C-alpha atoms as a PDB file:
ATOM      1  CA  MET A   1     -28.769 -34.805  -0.528  1.00  0.00           C
ATOM      2  CA  THR A   2     -25.292 -35.068  -2.024  1.00  0.00           C
ATOM      3  CA  SER A   3     -22.282 -33.168  -0.764  1.00  0.00           C
ATOM      4  CA  GLY A   4     -19.237 -31.600  -2.351  1.00  0.00           C
ATOM      5  CA  TRP A   5     -16.191 -29.630  -1.333  1.00  0.00           C
ATOM      6  CA  TRP A   6     -15.746 -25.889  -1.661  1.00  0.00           C
ATOM      7  CA  LEU A   7     -12.122 -24.726  -1.896  1.00  0.00           C
ATOM      8  CA  ILE A   8     -11.181 -21.101  -1.267  1.00  0.00           C
ATOM      9  CA  GLY A   9      -7.426 -20.552  -1.448  1.00  0.00           C
ATOM     10  CA  GLU A  10      -6.053 -23.000   1.123  1.00  0.00           C
ATOM     11  CA  ARG A  11      -9.211 -23.191   3.238  1.00  0.00           C
ATOM     12  CA  VAL A  12     -11.575 -26.132   2.721  1.00  0.00           C
ATOM     13  CA  ARG A  13     -15.075 -26.610   4.049  1.00  0.00           C
ATOM     14  CA  LYS A  14     -18.018 -28.811   3.185  1.00  0.00           C
ATOM     15  CA  ILE A  15     -21.195 -27.472   1.546  1.00  0.00           C
ATOM     16  CA  PRO A  16     -24.219 -29.355   0.231  1.00  0.00           C
ATOM     17  CA  ARG A  17     -25.294 -30.138  -3.323  1.00  0.00           C
ATOM     18  CA  ARG A  18     -22.202 -29.058  -5.234  1.00  0.00           C
ATOM     19  CA  ARG A  19     -19.391 -30.752  -7.053  1.00  0.00           C
ATOM     20  CA  VAL A  20     -15.716 -29.819  -6.531  1.00  0.00           C
ATOM     21  CA  VAL A  21     -15.195 -26.194  -7.498  1.00  0.00           C
ATOM     22  CA  PHE A  22     -11.858 -24.377  -7.500  1.00  0.00           C
ATOM     23  CA  CYS A  23     -12.191 -20.654  -7.129  1.00  0.00           C
ATOM     24  CA  ASP A  24     -10.094 -17.693  -6.141  1.00  0.00           C
ATOM     25  CA  ALA A  25     -12.238 -15.786  -3.659  1.00  0.00           C
ATOM     26  CA  ALA A  26     -10.984 -12.470  -5.035  1.00  0.00           C
ATOM     27  CA  GLN A  27     -12.448 -13.314  -8.460  1.00  0.00           C
ATOM     28  CA  GLN A  28     -16.042 -13.397  -9.609  1.00  0.00           C
ATOM     29  CA  ALA A  29     -18.006 -16.391  -8.286  1.00  0.00           C
ATOM     30  CA  PRO A  30     -18.560 -19.244 -10.813  1.00  0.00           C
ATOM     31  CA  ARG A  31     -21.900 -19.134 -12.604  1.00  0.00           C
ATOM     32  CA  ASN A  32     -22.952 -22.599 -11.455  1.00  0.00           C
ATOM     33  CA  LEU A  33     -23.025 -21.560  -7.778  1.00  0.00           C
ATOM     34  CA  PRO A  34     -26.316 -21.158  -5.950  1.00  0.00           C
ATOM     35  CA  THR A  35     -27.586 -17.583  -6.195  1.00  0.00           C
ATOM     36  CA  ASP A  36     -26.960 -16.837  -2.538  1.00  0.00           C
ATOM     37  CA  LEU A  37     -23.310 -17.914  -2.747  1.00  0.00           C
ATOM     38  CA  ALA A  38     -22.783 -16.059  -6.023  1.00  0.00           C
ATOM     39  CA  VAL A  39     -23.841 -12.882  -4.224  1.00  0.00           C
ATOM     40  CA  VAL A  40     -22.170 -13.507  -0.885  1.00  0.00           C
ATOM     41  CA  LEU A  41     -18.772 -14.730  -2.092  1.00  0.00           C
ATOM     42  CA  PRO A  42     -17.539 -11.437  -3.633  1.00  0.00           C
ATOM     43  CA  MET A  43     -18.800  -9.608  -0.539  1.00  0.00           C
ATOM     44  CA  PHE A  44     -16.883 -12.064   1.644  1.00  0.00           C
ATOM     45  CA  ALA A  45     -13.681 -11.487  -0.339  1.00  0.00           C
ATOM     46  CA  THR A  46     -14.018  -7.710   0.057  1.00  0.00           C
ATOM     47  CA  ALA A  47     -14.763  -8.000   3.761  1.00  0.00           C
ATOM     48  CA  LEU A  48     -11.782 -10.299   4.236  1.00  0.00           C
ATOM     49  CA  ALA A  49      -9.463  -7.800   2.558  1.00  0.00           C
ATOM     50  CA  LEU A  50     -10.774  -5.020   4.797  1.00  0.00           C
ATOM     51  CA  MET A  51     -10.313  -7.198   7.891  1.00  0.00           C
ATOM     52  CA  VAL A  52      -6.700  -7.868   6.932  1.00  0.00           C
ATOM     53  CA  MET A  53      -6.072  -4.150   6.536  1.00  0.00           C
ATOM     54  CA  ALA A  54      -8.061  -3.158   9.630  1.00  0.00           C
ATOM     55  CA  GLY A  55      -5.787  -1.751  12.266  1.00  0.00           C
ATOM     56  CA  ALA A  56      -3.015  -0.969   9.772  1.00  0.00           C
ATOM     57  CA  ALA A  57      -1.908   2.583  10.434  1.00  0.00           C
ATOM     58  CA  LEU A  58       1.143   4.792  10.219  1.00  0.00           C
ATOM     59  CA  PRO A  59       2.979   5.261  13.495  1.00  0.00           C
ATOM     60  CA  SER A  60       3.053   8.713  15.045  1.00  0.00           C
ATOM     61  CA  VAL A  61       6.626   9.716  14.357  1.00  0.00           C
ATOM     62  CA  THR A  62       8.779  12.691  13.413  1.00  0.00           C
ATOM     63  CA  VAL A  63      10.552  12.325  10.079  1.00  0.00           C
ATOM     64  CA  GLU A  64      12.807  14.595   8.062  1.00  0.00           C
ATOM     65  CA  THR A  65      12.599  15.505   4.399  1.00  0.00           C
ATOM     66  CA  LEU A  66      15.632  15.475   2.154  1.00  0.00           C
ATOM     67  CA  ALA A  67      15.318  19.269   2.188  1.00  0.00           C
ATOM     68  CA  GLY A  68      16.070  19.191   5.914  1.00  0.00           C
ATOM     69  CA  LYS A  69      12.559  20.066   7.168  1.00  0.00           C
ATOM     70  CA  GLN A  70      10.885  18.068   9.937  1.00  0.00           C
ATOM     71  CA  ALA A  71       7.357  16.674   9.659  1.00  0.00           C
ATOM     72  CA  VAL A  72       5.183  14.829  12.132  1.00  0.00           C
ATOM     73  CA  LEU A  73       3.289  11.896  10.682  1.00  0.00           C
ATOM     74  CA  PRO A  74       0.464  11.377  10.241  1.00  0.00           C
ATOM     75  CA  ARG A  75      -0.478  14.830  11.569  1.00  0.00           C
ATOM     76  CA  ASP A  76       1.143  16.757   8.704  1.00  0.00           C
ATOM     77  CA  LEU A  77      -0.262  14.614   5.915  1.00  0.00           C
ATOM     78  CA  ALA A  78      -3.051  15.692   3.586  1.00  0.00           C
ATOM     79  CA  GLN A  79      -6.483  14.103   3.833  1.00  0.00           C
ATOM     80  CA  SER A  80      -5.402  11.842   0.967  1.00  0.00           C
ATOM     81  CA  THR A  81      -1.715  10.913   0.716  1.00  0.00           C
ATOM     82  CA  VAL A  82       0.174   8.282  -1.249  1.00  0.00           C
ATOM     83  CA  LEU A  83       3.469   7.076   0.190  1.00  0.00           C
ATOM     84  CA  VAL A  84       5.877   5.248  -2.125  1.00  0.00           C
ATOM     85  CA  ALA A  85       8.371   3.541   0.160  1.00  0.00           C
ATOM     86  CA  GLY A  86      11.545   1.531  -0.283  1.00  0.00           C
ATOM     87  CA  PHE A  87      13.944  -0.172   2.110  1.00  0.00           C
ATOM     88  CA  THR A  88      16.974  -0.520  -0.166  1.00  0.00           C
ATOM     89  CA  LYS A  89      18.862   1.408  -2.823  1.00  0.00           C
ATOM     90  CA  ALA A  90      17.838  -1.224  -5.367  1.00  0.00           C
ATOM     91  CA  SER A  91      14.166  -0.568  -4.603  1.00  0.00           C
ATOM     92  CA  ARG A  92      14.384   2.693  -6.562  1.00  0.00           C
ATOM     93  CA  ALA A  93      14.052   0.624  -9.731  1.00  0.00           C
ATOM     94  CA  GLN A  94      10.447   0.063  -8.629  1.00  0.00           C
ATOM     95  CA  THR A  95       9.672   3.185  -6.607  1.00  0.00           C
ATOM     96  CA  GLU A  96      10.686   5.630  -9.349  1.00  0.00           C
ATOM     97  CA  PRO A  97       8.109   4.434 -11.944  1.00  0.00           C
ATOM     98  CA  TRP A  98       5.367   4.652  -9.297  1.00  0.00           C
ATOM     99  CA  SER A  99       6.417   8.157  -8.217  1.00  0.00           C
ATOM    100  CA  ARG A 100       6.840   9.524 -11.730  1.00  0.00           C
ATOM    101  CA  ARG A 101       3.455   8.331 -12.911  1.00  0.00           C
ATOM    102  CA  LEU A 102       1.608   9.494  -9.803  1.00  0.00           C
ATOM    103  CA  ARG A 103       3.137  12.972  -9.937  1.00  0.00           C
ATOM    104  CA  ALA A 104       2.447  13.336 -13.660  1.00  0.00           C
ATOM    105  CA  ASP A 105      -1.199  12.261 -13.385  1.00  0.00           C
ATOM    106  CA  PRO A 106      -3.591  15.212 -12.894  1.00  0.00           C
ATOM    107  CA  ARG A 107      -6.192  12.812 -11.472  1.00  0.00           C
ATOM    108  CA  VAL A 108      -3.787  12.292  -8.571  1.00  0.00           C
ATOM    109  CA  SER A 109      -1.928  15.586  -8.206  1.00  0.00           C
ATOM    110  CA  GLY A 110      -5.147  17.578  -8.014  1.00  0.00           C
ATOM    111  CA  GLN A 111      -6.446  15.816  -4.915  1.00  0.00           C
ATOM    112  CA  THR A 112      -3.660  13.737  -3.335  1.00  0.00           C
ATOM    113  CA  ARG A 113      -0.161  14.417  -2.016  1.00  0.00           C
ATOM    114  CA  VAL A 114       2.586  12.028  -3.075  1.00  0.00           C
ATOM    115  CA  TYR A 115       5.710  11.383  -1.001  1.00  0.00           C
ATOM    116  CA  ASP A 116       8.690   9.139  -1.576  1.00  0.00           C
ATOM    117  CA  VAL A 117       9.825   7.412   1.606  1.00  0.00           C
ATOM    118  CA  SER A 118      13.266   5.941   2.237  1.00  0.00           C
ATOM    119  CA  ILE A 119      13.301   3.653   5.266  1.00  0.00           C
ATOM    120  CA  LEU A 120      16.820   3.283   6.680  1.00  0.00           C
ATOM    121  CA  ASP A 121      16.354  -0.015   8.453  1.00  0.00           C
ATOM    122  CA  GLY A 122      19.412  -1.110  10.414  1.00  0.00           C
ATOM    123  CA  VAL A 123      21.653   1.646   9.034  1.00  0.00           C
ATOM    124  CA  PRO A 124      24.150   2.834  11.692  1.00  0.00           C
ATOM    125  CA  GLY A 125      23.861   6.489  12.617  1.00  0.00           C
ATOM    126  CA  PHE A 126      27.362   7.331  11.410  1.00  0.00           C
ATOM    127  CA  LEU A 127      26.464   6.133   7.892  1.00  0.00           C
ATOM    128  CA  ARG A 128      23.111   7.871   7.574  1.00  0.00           C
ATOM    129  CA  GLY A 129      24.581  11.270   6.725  1.00  0.00           C
ATOM    130  CA  MET A 130      26.594   9.812   3.864  1.00  0.00           C
ATOM    131  CA  ILE A 131      23.600   7.910   2.486  1.00  0.00           C
ATOM    132  CA  ILE A 132      21.348  10.966   2.690  1.00  0.00           C
ATOM    133  CA  SER A 133      23.957  13.099   0.908  1.00  0.00           C
ATOM    134  CA  GLN A 134      24.126  10.568  -1.908  1.00  0.00           C
ATOM    135  CA  MET A 135      20.354  10.570  -2.202  1.00  0.00           C
ATOM    136  CA  LYS A 136      20.236  14.366  -2.396  1.00  0.00           C
ATOM    137  CA  SER A 137      22.703  14.437  -5.258  1.00  0.00           C
ATOM    138  CA  GLY A 138      20.285  12.575  -7.522  1.00  0.00           C
ATOM    139  CA  ILE A 139      17.057  14.382  -6.593  1.00  0.00           C
ATOM    140  CA  SER A 140      15.976  17.912  -7.530  1.00  0.00           C
ATOM    141  CA  PRO A 141      15.663  20.466  -4.691  1.00  0.00           C
ATOM    142  CA  GLU A 142      11.913  20.802  -5.296  1.00  0.00           C
ATOM    143  CA  ARG A 143      11.316  17.079  -5.031  1.00  0.00           C
ATOM    144  CA  GLN A 144      13.488  16.838  -1.913  1.00  0.00           C
ATOM    145  CA  LYS A 145      10.630  18.550  -0.060  1.00  0.00           C
ATOM    146  CA  GLU A 146       8.469  15.515  -0.863  1.00  0.00           C
ATOM    147  CA  PHE A 147      11.029  12.871   0.033  1.00  0.00           C
ATOM    148  CA  LEU A 148      10.848  11.535   3.600  1.00  0.00           C
ATOM    149  CA  ILE A 149      13.621   9.816   5.541  1.00  0.00           C
ATOM    150  CA  VAL A 150      12.499   7.288   8.161  1.00  0.00           C
ATOM    151  CA  THR A 151      14.877   6.129  10.890  1.00  0.00           C
ATOM    152  CA  ALA A 152      12.493   5.340  13.783  1.00  0.00           C
ATOM    153  CA  GLU A 153       9.477   3.104  14.487  1.00  0.00           C
ATOM    154  CA  ILE A 154      10.673   0.739  11.760  1.00  0.00           C
ATOM    155  CA  ALA A 155       8.590  -2.206  13.009  1.00  0.00           C
ATOM    156  CA  SER A 156       5.429  -0.079  12.906  1.00  0.00           C
ATOM    157  CA  TRP A 157       6.236   1.043   9.371  1.00  0.00           C
ATOM    158  CA  LYS A 158       6.688  -2.570   8.311  1.00  0.00           C
ATOM    159  CA  ARG A 159       3.251  -3.432   9.686  1.00  0.00           C
ATOM    160  CA  ALA A 160       1.625  -0.473   7.943  1.00  0.00           C
ATOM    161  CA  LEU A 161       3.310  -1.365   4.649  1.00  0.00           C
ATOM    162  CA  ASP A 162       2.718  -5.104   5.080  1.00  0.00           C
ATOM    163  CA  ALA A 163       6.470  -5.586   4.726  1.00  0.00           C
ATOM    164  CA  GLY A 164       7.192  -8.423   7.112  1.00  0.00           C
ATOM    165  CA  ASP A 165      10.391  -9.350   5.291  1.00  0.00           C
ATOM    166  CA  PRO A 166      11.309  -6.271   3.240  1.00  0.00           C
ATOM    167  CA  SER A 167      12.898  -6.824  -0.149  1.00  0.00           C
ATOM    168  CA  ASP A 168      13.844  -4.561  -3.050  1.00  0.00           C
ATOM    169  CA  ASP A 169      10.139  -3.995  -3.789  1.00  0.00           C
ATOM    170  CA  ALA A 170       8.301  -0.706  -3.825  1.00  0.00           C
ATOM    171  CA  TYR A 171       5.715  -0.475  -1.039  1.00  0.00           C
ATOM    172  CA  VAL A 172       2.826   1.821  -1.957  1.00  0.00           C
ATOM    173  CA  ILE A 173       0.067   2.872   0.448  1.00  0.00           C
ATOM    174  CA  LEU A 174      -2.818   5.323   0.420  1.00  0.00           C
ATOM    175  CA  VAL A 175      -3.425   6.867   3.848  1.00  0.00           C
ATOM    176  CA  GLN A 176      -5.734   9.385   5.490  1.00  0.00           C
ATOM    177  CA  ARG A 177      -4.594  12.193   7.776  1.00  0.00           C
ATOM    178  CA  THR A 178      -5.620   9.950  10.690  1.00  0.00           C
ATOM    179  CA  GLY A 179      -2.895   7.525   9.587  1.00  0.00           C
ATOM    180  CA  ALA A 180      -5.366   4.826   8.578  1.00  0.00           C
ATOM    181  CA  VAL A 181      -4.167   2.761   5.625  1.00  0.00           C
ATOM    182  CA  ILE A 182      -6.856   2.663   2.937  1.00  0.00           C
ATOM    183  CA  TRP A 183      -5.020   0.783   0.186  1.00  0.00           C
ATOM    184  CA  ARG A 184      -1.629  -0.879  -0.205  1.00  0.00           C
ATOM    185  CA  ARG A 185       0.384  -2.940  -2.675  1.00  0.00           C
ATOM    186  CA  HIS A 186       4.022  -3.851  -3.151  1.00  0.00           C
ATOM    187  CA  GLY A 187       6.046  -4.611  -6.220  1.00  0.00           C
ATOM    188  CA  SER A 188       6.510  -3.144  -9.676  1.00  0.00           C
ATOM    189  CA  LEU A 189       4.051  -0.693 -11.182  1.00  0.00           C
ATOM    190  CA  THR A 190       1.380  -2.471 -13.223  1.00  0.00           C
ATOM    191  CA  GLU A 191      -1.629  -1.050 -14.994  1.00  0.00           C
ATOM    192  CA  SER A 192      -4.052  -3.060 -12.887  1.00  0.00           C
ATOM    193  CA  SER A 193      -2.528  -1.989  -9.577  1.00  0.00           C
ATOM    194  CA  TYR A 194      -2.384   1.640 -10.718  1.00  0.00           C
ATOM    195  CA  GLN A 195      -6.059   1.617 -11.685  1.00  0.00           C
ATOM    196  CA  GLU A 196      -6.909   0.066  -8.311  1.00  0.00           C
ATOM    197  CA  LEU A 197      -5.100   2.926  -6.588  1.00  0.00           C
ATOM    198  CA  LEU A 198      -6.924   5.545  -8.674  1.00  0.00           C
ATOM    199  CA  ALA A 199     -10.239   3.954  -7.719  1.00  0.00           C
ATOM    200  CA  ALA A 200      -9.264   3.981  -4.034  1.00  0.00           C
ATOM    201  CA  ILE A 201      -8.276   7.671  -4.264  1.00  0.00           C
ATOM    202  CA  ASP A 202     -11.618   8.468  -5.861  1.00  0.00           C
ATOM    203  CA  ARG A 203     -13.541   6.589  -3.164  1.00  0.00           C
ATOM    204  CA  LEU A 204     -11.616   8.409  -0.455  1.00  0.00           C
ATOM    205  CA  LYS A 205     -12.392  11.752  -2.110  1.00  0.00           C
ATOM    206  CA  ARG A 206     -16.098  10.859  -2.017  1.00  0.00           C
ATOM    207  CA  GLY A 207     -15.854   9.789   1.603  1.00  0.00           C
ATOM    208  CA  GLN A 208     -16.147   6.092   0.824  1.00  0.00           C
ATOM    209  CA  PRO A 209     -12.812   4.477   1.823  1.00  0.00           C
END
């Protein structure tokens, strides 16, 4: 019996009777794989993604909207909620396209709440008021009710958003009222990522997160 090497990302292990095959585990298995691997590999990729996300949850924390109202997360969230978060002023170049499209899409607005989230990481207290005032000036009063300001439990937010080293990216997550993170991505809005989010919202609606 001959042997070959199976490469998945950066992990390497030995399996019998196959030549060298390069494959991204998140993609469909190559056709020349044994039937059992062709079936198991996509399942493994899905399970791995769920394992990575397992345990990711919003912290229990009181936040304030731009309208000045307090909310307790995740208690006050809807059963299905999308949070579009940013850590910097420059991140609005990415968060705004996400927010606009989500709010304009009846497939989302009819079953899911959408909130913008500004995370003031490392901002001194005496500067927060000025920053919040500037933010208010560019956002309509109605939308201010759906804009959250985060100043506490920053490390927990970073874990939930998978933002170990936050940049100017948008961080988008789908969460349940329990705080469990069902889906997350970061970066610019793309058609593929948007369709993934719609599919995740639909699964959550059907009770299949």
